C-alpha atoms as a PDB file:
ATOM      1  CA  UNK A   1       0.000   0.000   0.000  1.00  0.00           C
ATOM      2  CA  UNK A   2       1.346   3.390  -0.946  1.00  0.00           C
ATOM      3  CA  UNK A   3       0.518   6.356   1.294  1.00  0.00           C
ATOM      4  CA  UNK A   4       0.525   9.849  -0.186  1.00  0.00           C
ATOM      5  CA  UNK A   5       1.473  12.321   2.614  1.00  0.00           C
ATOM      6  CA  UNK A   6      -0.206  15.322   0.981  1.00  0.00           C
ATOM      7  CA  UNK A   7       0.542  18.476   2.936  1.00  0.00           C
ATOM      8  CA  UNK A   8       2.754  16.696   5.488  1.00  0.00           C
ATOM      9  CA  UNK A   9       5.798  18.732   4.483  1.00  0.00           C
ATOM     10  CA  UNK A  10       3.957  21.868   5.570  1.00  0.00           C
ATOM     11  CA  UNK A  11       2.560  20.397   8.803  1.00  0.00           C
ATOM     12  CA  UNK A  12       5.696  21.184  10.776  1.00  0.00           C
ATOM     13  CA  UNK A  13       5.849  24.961  11.116  1.00  0.00           C
ATOM     14  CA  UNK A  14       9.300  26.453  11.389  1.00  0.00           C
ATOM     15  CA  UNK A  15      10.042  27.770  14.888  1.00  0.00           C
ATOM     16  CA  UNK A  16      11.528  30.822  13.232  1.00  0.00           C
ATOM     17  CA  UNK A  17       8.220  31.514  11.497  1.00  0.00           C
ATOM     18  CA  UNK A  18       6.506  31.256  14.885  1.00  0.00           C
ATOM     19  CA  UNK A  19       9.235  33.414  16.355  1.00  0.00           C
ATOM     20  CA  UNK A  20       8.442  36.217  13.956  1.00  0.00           C
ATOM     21  CA  UNK A  21       4.833  36.250  15.168  1.00  0.00           C
ATOM     22  CA  UNK A  22       6.015  36.105  18.776  1.00  0.00           C
ATOM     23  CA  UNK A  23       8.383  39.012  18.156  1.00  0.00           C
ATOM     24  CA  UNK A  24       5.467  41.124  16.916  1.00  0.00           C
ATOM     25  CA  UNK A  25       3.473  40.547  20.091  1.00  0.00           C
ATOM     26  CA  UNK A  26       6.555  41.020  22.255  1.00  0.00           C
ATOM     27  CA  UNK A  27       7.095  44.567  21.003  1.00  0.00           C
ATOM     28  CA  UNK A  28       3.653  45.581  22.264  1.00  0.00           C
ATOM     29  CA  UNK A  29       4.006  43.761  25.562  1.00  0.00           C
ATOM     30  CA  UNK A  30       7.538  44.781  26.532  1.00  0.00           C
ATOM     31  CA  UNK A  31       6.749  48.462  27.171  1.00  0.00           C
ATOM     32  CA  UNK A  32       4.097  47.278  29.596  1.00  0.00           C
ATOM     33  CA  UNK A  33       6.726  45.760  31.894  1.00  0.00           C
ATOM     34  CA  UNK A  34       7.563  49.205  33.216  1.00  0.00           C
ATOM     35  CA  UNK A  35      10.587  50.666  34.904  1.00  0.00           C
ATOM     36  CA  UNK A  36      11.175  52.955  37.852  1.00  0.00           C
ATOM     37  CA  UNK A  37      11.639  56.529  36.637  1.00  0.00           C
ATOM     38  CA  UNK A  38      12.510  59.312  39.032  1.00  0.00           C
ATOM     39  CA  UNK A  39       9.728  59.968  41.516  1.00  0.00           C
ATOM     40  CA  UNK A  40       8.329  56.437  41.748  1.00  0.00           C
ATOM     41  CA  UNK A  41       8.117  55.429  45.388  1.00  0.00           C
ATOM     42  CA  UNK A  42      10.067  52.568  46.952  1.00  0.00           C
ATOM     43  CA  UNK A  43       8.149  50.329  49.343  1.00  0.00           C
ATOM     44  CA  UNK A  44       9.555  50.512  52.908  1.00  0.00           C
ATOM     45  CA  UNK A  45       9.725  46.739  53.330  1.00  0.00           C
ATOM     46  CA  UNK A  46      11.284  46.121  49.879  1.00  0.00           C
ATOM     47  CA  UNK A  47      14.632  44.373  49.594  1.00  0.00           C
ATOM     48  CA  UNK A  48      17.617  46.479  48.452  1.00  0.00           C
ATOM     49  CA  UNK A  49      17.398  46.969  44.694  1.00  0.00           C
ATOM     50  CA  UNK A  50      13.732  45.940  44.601  1.00  0.00           C
ATOM     51  CA  UNK A  51      11.586  48.778  43.329  1.00  0.00           C
ATOM     52  CA  UNK A  52       7.851  48.647  43.776  1.00  0.00           C
ATOM     53  CA  UNK A  53       5.578  51.167  42.171  1.00  0.00           C
ATOM     54  CA  UNK A  54       2.879  52.574  44.400  1.00  0.00           C
ATOM     55  CA  UNK A  55      -0.256  53.941  42.747  1.00  0.00           C
ATOM     56  CA  UNK A  56      -1.295  57.453  43.697  1.00  0.00           C
ATOM     57  CA  UNK A  57      -4.536  59.346  43.339  1.00  0.00           C
ATOM     58  CA  UNK A  58      -5.705  59.473  39.751  1.00  0.00           C
ATOM     59  CA  UNK A  59      -5.632  62.759  37.843  1.00  0.00           C
ATOM     60  CA  UNK A  60      -6.674  63.894  34.398  1.00  0.00           C
ATOM     61  CA  UNK A  61      -4.137  63.547  31.577  1.00  0.00           C
ATOM     62  CA  UNK A  62      -3.483  67.099  30.385  1.00  0.00           C
ATOM     63  CA  UNK A  63      -1.174  68.796  27.914  1.00  0.00           C
ATOM     64  CA  UNK A  64       0.817  70.596  30.678  1.00  0.00           C
ATOM     65  CA  UNK A  65       1.640  67.176  32.211  1.00  0.00           C
ATOM     66  CA  UNK A  66       2.850  65.934  28.818  1.00  0.00           C
ATOM     67  CA  UNK A  67       4.899  69.085  28.179  1.00  0.00           C
ATOM     68  CA  UNK A  68       6.521  68.775  31.614  1.00  0.00           C
ATOM     69  CA  UNK A  69       7.651  65.190  30.982  1.00  0.00           C
ATOM     70  CA  UNK A  70       8.865  66.027  27.456  1.00  0.00           C
ATOM     71  CA  UNK A  71      10.889  68.944  28.852  1.00  0.00           C
ATOM     72  CA  UNK A  72      12.457  66.739  31.570  1.00  0.00           C
ATOM     73  CA  UNK A  73      13.422  64.088  29.005  1.00  0.00           C
ATOM     74  CA  UNK A  74      14.903  66.729  26.690  1.00  0.00           C
ATOM     75  CA  UNK A  75      16.859  68.369  29.531  1.00  0.00           C
ATOM     76  CA  UNK A  76      18.332  64.950  30.402  1.00  0.00           C
ATOM     77  CA  UNK A  77      19.544  64.530  26.798  1.00  0.00           C
ATOM     78  CA  UNK A  78      16.642  62.468  25.508  1.00  0.00           C
ATOM     79  CA  UNK A  79      14.743  62.898  22.268  1.00  0.00           C
ATOM     80  CA  UNK A  80      11.424  61.044  22.761  1.00  0.00           C
ATOM     81  CA  UNK A  81       9.759  59.932  19.536  1.00  0.00           C
ATOM     82  CA  UNK A  82       6.753  57.922  20.804  1.00  0.00           C
ATOM     83  CA  UNK A  83       3.869  58.636  23.175  1.00  0.00           C
ATOM     84  CA  UNK A  84       2.176  55.343  24.119  1.00  0.00           C
ATOM     85  CA  UNK A  85      -1.117  55.386  26.020  1.00  0.00           C
ATOM     86  CA  UNK A  86      -4.378  53.559  26.640  1.00  0.00           C
ATOM     87  CA  UNK A  87      -7.607  54.164  24.765  1.00  0.00           C
ATOM     88  CA  UNK A  88      -9.242  56.605  27.194  1.00  0.00           C
ATOM     89  CA  UNK A  89      -6.160  58.829  27.399  1.00  0.00           C
ATOM     90  CA  UNK A  90      -5.721  58.645  23.608  1.00  0.00           C
ATOM     91  CA  UNK A  91      -9.185  60.203  23.365  1.00  0.00           C
ATOM     92  CA  UNK A  92      -8.162  62.790  25.983  1.00  0.00           C
ATOM     93  CA  UNK A  93      -5.108  63.681  23.903  1.00  0.00           C
ATOM     94  CA  UNK A  94      -7.340  64.250  20.875  1.00  0.00           C
ATOM     95  CA  UNK A  95      -8.931  67.148  22.793  1.00  0.00           C
ATOM     96  CA  UNK A  96      -5.624  69.012  23.412  1.00  0.00           C
ATOM     97  CA  UNK A  97      -5.538  72.580  22.147  1.00  0.00           C
ATOM     98  CA  UNK A  98      -3.539  73.446  19.063  1.00  0.00           C
ATOM     99  CA  UNK A  99      -4.908  70.702  16.889  1.00  0.00           C
ATOM    100  CA  UNK A 100      -7.227  71.461  14.011  1.00  0.00           C
ATOM    101  CA  UNK A 101     -10.977  71.188  14.249  1.00  0.00           C
ATOM    102  CA  UNK A 102     -12.538  67.846  13.315  1.00  0.00           C
ATOM    103  CA  UNK A 103     -12.809  67.659   9.535  1.00  0.00           C
ATOM    104  CA  UNK A 104     -15.414  65.987   7.394  1.00  0.00           C
ATOM    105  CA  UNK A 105     -14.295  64.800   3.976  1.00  0.00           C
ATOM    106  CA  UNK A 106     -17.473  64.738   1.944  1.00  0.00           C
ATOM    107  CA  UNK A 107     -16.029  62.802  -1.011  1.00  0.00           C
ATOM    108  CA  UNK A 108     -14.854  59.856   1.091  1.00  0.00           C
ATOM    109  CA  UNK A 109     -17.642  60.304   3.689  1.00  0.00           C
ATOM    110  CA  UNK A 110     -15.046  60.260   6.449  1.00  0.00           C
ATOM    111  CA  UNK A 111     -14.659  62.300   9.648  1.00  0.00           C
ATOM    112  CA  UNK A 112     -11.128  62.908  10.937  1.00  0.00           C
ATOM    113  CA  UNK A 113     -10.983  63.624  14.681  1.00  0.00           C
ATOM    114  CA  UNK A 114      -7.739  62.136  16.020  1.00  0.00           C
ATOM    115  CA  UNK A 115      -4.190  63.045  17.006  1.00  0.00           C
ATOM    116  CA  UNK A 116      -1.626  60.650  15.517  1.00  0.00           C
ATOM    117  CA  UNK A 117       1.438  62.869  15.973  1.00  0.00           C
ATOM    118  CA  UNK A 118       2.271  65.498  18.539  1.00  0.00           C
ATOM    119  CA  UNK A 119       4.661  68.305  17.661  1.00  0.00           C
ATOM    120  CA  UNK A 120       5.726  70.616  20.442  1.00  0.00           C
ATOM    121  CA  UNK A 121       8.726  72.523  21.745  1.00  0.00           C
ATOM    122  CA  UNK A 122      10.746  69.308  22.115  1.00  0.00           C
ATOM    123  CA  UNK A 123      10.206  67.623  18.771  1.00  0.00           C
ATOM    124  CA  UNK A 124       7.768  65.374  17.002  1.00  0.00           C
ATOM    125  CA  UNK A 125       6.290  62.274  18.657  1.00  0.00           C
ATOM    126  CA  UNK A 126       4.150  59.519  17.167  1.00  0.00           C
ATOM    127  CA  UNK A 127       1.044  58.833  19.290  1.00  0.00           C
ATOM    128  CA  UNK A 128       0.337  55.101  19.640  1.00  0.00           C
ATOM    129  CA  UNK A 129      -2.631  53.634  21.529  1.00  0.00           C
ATOM    130  CA  UNK A 130      -1.728  50.353  23.267  1.00  0.00           C
ATOM    131  CA  UNK A 131      -4.461  48.089  24.651  1.00  0.00           C
ATOM    132  CA  UNK A 132      -1.929  45.860  26.435  1.00  0.00           C
ATOM    133  CA  UNK A 133      -0.396  48.473  28.719  1.00  0.00           C
ATOM    134  CA  UNK A 134      -1.741  49.874  31.972  1.00  0.00           C
ATOM    135  CA  UNK A 135      -4.564  52.236  31.044  1.00  0.00           C
ATOM    136  CA  UNK A 136      -3.617  54.724  33.796  1.00  0.00           C
ATOM    137  CA  UNK A 137      -0.081  55.284  32.405  1.00  0.00           C
ATOM    138  CA  UNK A 138       1.218  57.407  29.556  1.00  0.00           C
ATOM    139  CA  UNK A 139       4.684  56.428  28.344  1.00  0.00           C
ATOM    140  CA  UNK A 140       6.919  58.966  26.621  1.00  0.00           C
ATOM    141  CA  UNK A 141       9.641  56.900  24.941  1.00  0.00           C
ATOM    142  CA  UNK A 142      12.829  57.366  22.986  1.00  0.00           C
ATOM    143  CA  UNK A 143      12.665  53.998  21.257  1.00  0.00           C
ATOM    144  CA  UNK A 144      16.350  53.997  20.268  1.00  0.00           C
ATOM    145  CA  UNK A 145      17.249  53.855  23.987  1.00  0.00           C
ATOM    146  CA  UNK A 146      15.299  50.619  24.587  1.00  0.00           C
ATOM    147  CA  UNK A 147      16.334  47.174  23.421  1.00  0.00           C
ATOM    148  CA  UNK A 148      15.527  43.520  23.834  1.00  0.00           C
ATOM    149  CA  UNK A 149      18.416  41.682  25.496  1.00  0.00           C
ATOM    150  CA  UNK A 150      18.570  37.904  25.187  1.00  0.00           C
ATOM    151  CA  UNK A 151      20.339  35.569  27.564  1.00  0.00           C
ATOM    152  CA  UNK A 152      23.232  33.812  25.801  1.00  0.00           C
ATOM    153  CA  UNK A 153      22.011  30.741  23.918  1.00  0.00           C
ATOM    154  CA  UNK A 154      18.324  31.551  24.552  1.00  0.00           C
ATOM    155  CA  UNK A 155      17.331  33.495  21.423  1.00  0.00           C
ATOM    156  CA  UNK A 156      14.384  31.522  19.997  1.00  0.00           C
ATOM    157  CA  UNK A 157      15.898  28.071  20.504  1.00  0.00           C
ATOM    158  CA  UNK A 158      13.829  25.141  19.273  1.00  0.00           C
ATOM    159  CA  UNK A 159      14.188  21.718  20.882  1.00  0.00           C
ATOM    160  CA  UNK A 160      12.557  18.429  19.909  1.00  0.00           C
ATOM    161  CA  UNK A 161      10.479  16.713  22.584  1.00  0.00           C
ATOM    162  CA  UNK A 162      10.008  12.970  23.011  1.00  0.00           C
ATOM    163  CA  UNK A 163       8.107  11.337  20.188  1.00  0.00           C
ATOM    164  CA  UNK A 164       4.680   9.945  21.069  1.00  0.00           C
ATOM    165  CA  UNK A 165       3.233   7.721  18.354  1.00  0.00           C
ATOM    166  CA  UNK A 166       3.237   9.502  15.019  1.00  0.00           C
ATOM    167  CA  UNK A 167       3.313  12.991  16.498  1.00  0.00           C
ATOM    168  CA  UNK A 168       6.366  15.192  16.401  1.00  0.00           C
ATOM    169  CA  UNK A 169       6.529  17.729  19.207  1.00  0.00           C
ATOM    170  CA  UNK A 170       8.927  20.526  19.890  1.00  0.00           C
ATOM    171  CA  UNK A 171       9.100  23.608  22.056  1.00  0.00           C
ATOM    172  CA  UNK A 172      10.453  27.072  21.528  1.00  0.00           C
ATOM    173  CA  UNK A 173      12.485  28.621  24.302  1.00  0.00           C
ATOM    174  CA  UNK A 174      13.519  32.237  24.594  1.00  0.00           C
ATOM    175  CA  UNK A 175      14.623  34.266  27.582  1.00  0.00           C
ATOM    176  CA  UNK A 176      14.851  37.995  27.193  1.00  0.00           C
ATOM    177  CA  UNK A 177      14.434  41.218  29.053  1.00  0.00           C
ATOM    178  CA  UNK A 178      13.783  44.845  28.306  1.00  0.00           C
ATOM    179  CA  UNK A 179      17.026  46.830  28.438  1.00  0.00           C
ATOM    180  CA  UNK A 180      16.973  50.532  29.271  1.00  0.00           C
ATOM    181  CA  UNK A 181      20.067  52.023  27.648  1.00  0.00           C
ATOM    182  CA  UNK A 182      19.327  55.430  29.190  1.00  0.00           C
ATOM    183  CA  UNK A 183      16.207  55.541  31.334  1.00  0.00           C
ATOM    184  CA  UNK A 184      16.252  59.350  31.617  1.00  0.00           C
ATOM    185  CA  UNK A 185      15.636  59.606  27.861  1.00  0.00           C
ATOM    186  CA  UNK A 186      12.054  58.437  28.449  1.00  0.00           C
ATOM    187  CA  UNK A 187       9.339  59.405  30.892  1.00  0.00           C
ATOM    188  CA  UNK A 188       6.131  58.333  32.529  1.00  0.00           C
ATOM    189  CA  UNK A 189       2.945  60.173  33.355  1.00  0.00           C
ATOM    190  CA  UNK A 190       1.406  57.918  35.995  1.00  0.00           C
ATOM    191  CA  UNK A 191      -1.989  57.738  37.656  1.00  0.00           C
ATOM    192  CA  UNK A 192      -4.057  59.193  34.825  1.00  0.00           C
ATOM    193  CA  UNK A 193      -7.813  58.733  34.946  1.00  0.00           C
ATOM    194  CA  UNK A 194      -9.217  55.888  32.872  1.00  0.00           C
ATOM    195  CA  UNK A 195     -12.880  56.822  32.633  1.00  0.00           C
END
């Protein structure tokens, strides 16, 4: 009896192909890990070197708060190029003064009422909503000062598992961390309202 294994060559997906998809998700999730910028409290019972963020009273996200953080980053030598925030605060940012009035394009039957870039005294920043981050935070990032650092020998390694019957199993292993190359180049506006 001759068996035709149609499609079997494609049944085993390359770990590298999976890795590409995992990399895409990782770039949205890594900024959510957080870091301790100046002003974030240290818990009294924390071990040395252990930083614990303590939430404060929530406040409205305003343009003066954003300008203050941008100025502090710039003074420290940073050049932030991204503002990352949750959905509610993205809508708040769309109400900042200085932007044009909402426009209606009659030909395409489209209304434009959003801020996708912010240009101020300290440069131009791309505004990116992120549903995976803490909604009460606004991150002001210089993306060139952040990197993914892999442990040696742990960059998307694929290993074969024990064979069970006709199945072929493997796992993908990767250990990495978010590296801050200069944490003062970026900033955080914490405790913003979320509703």
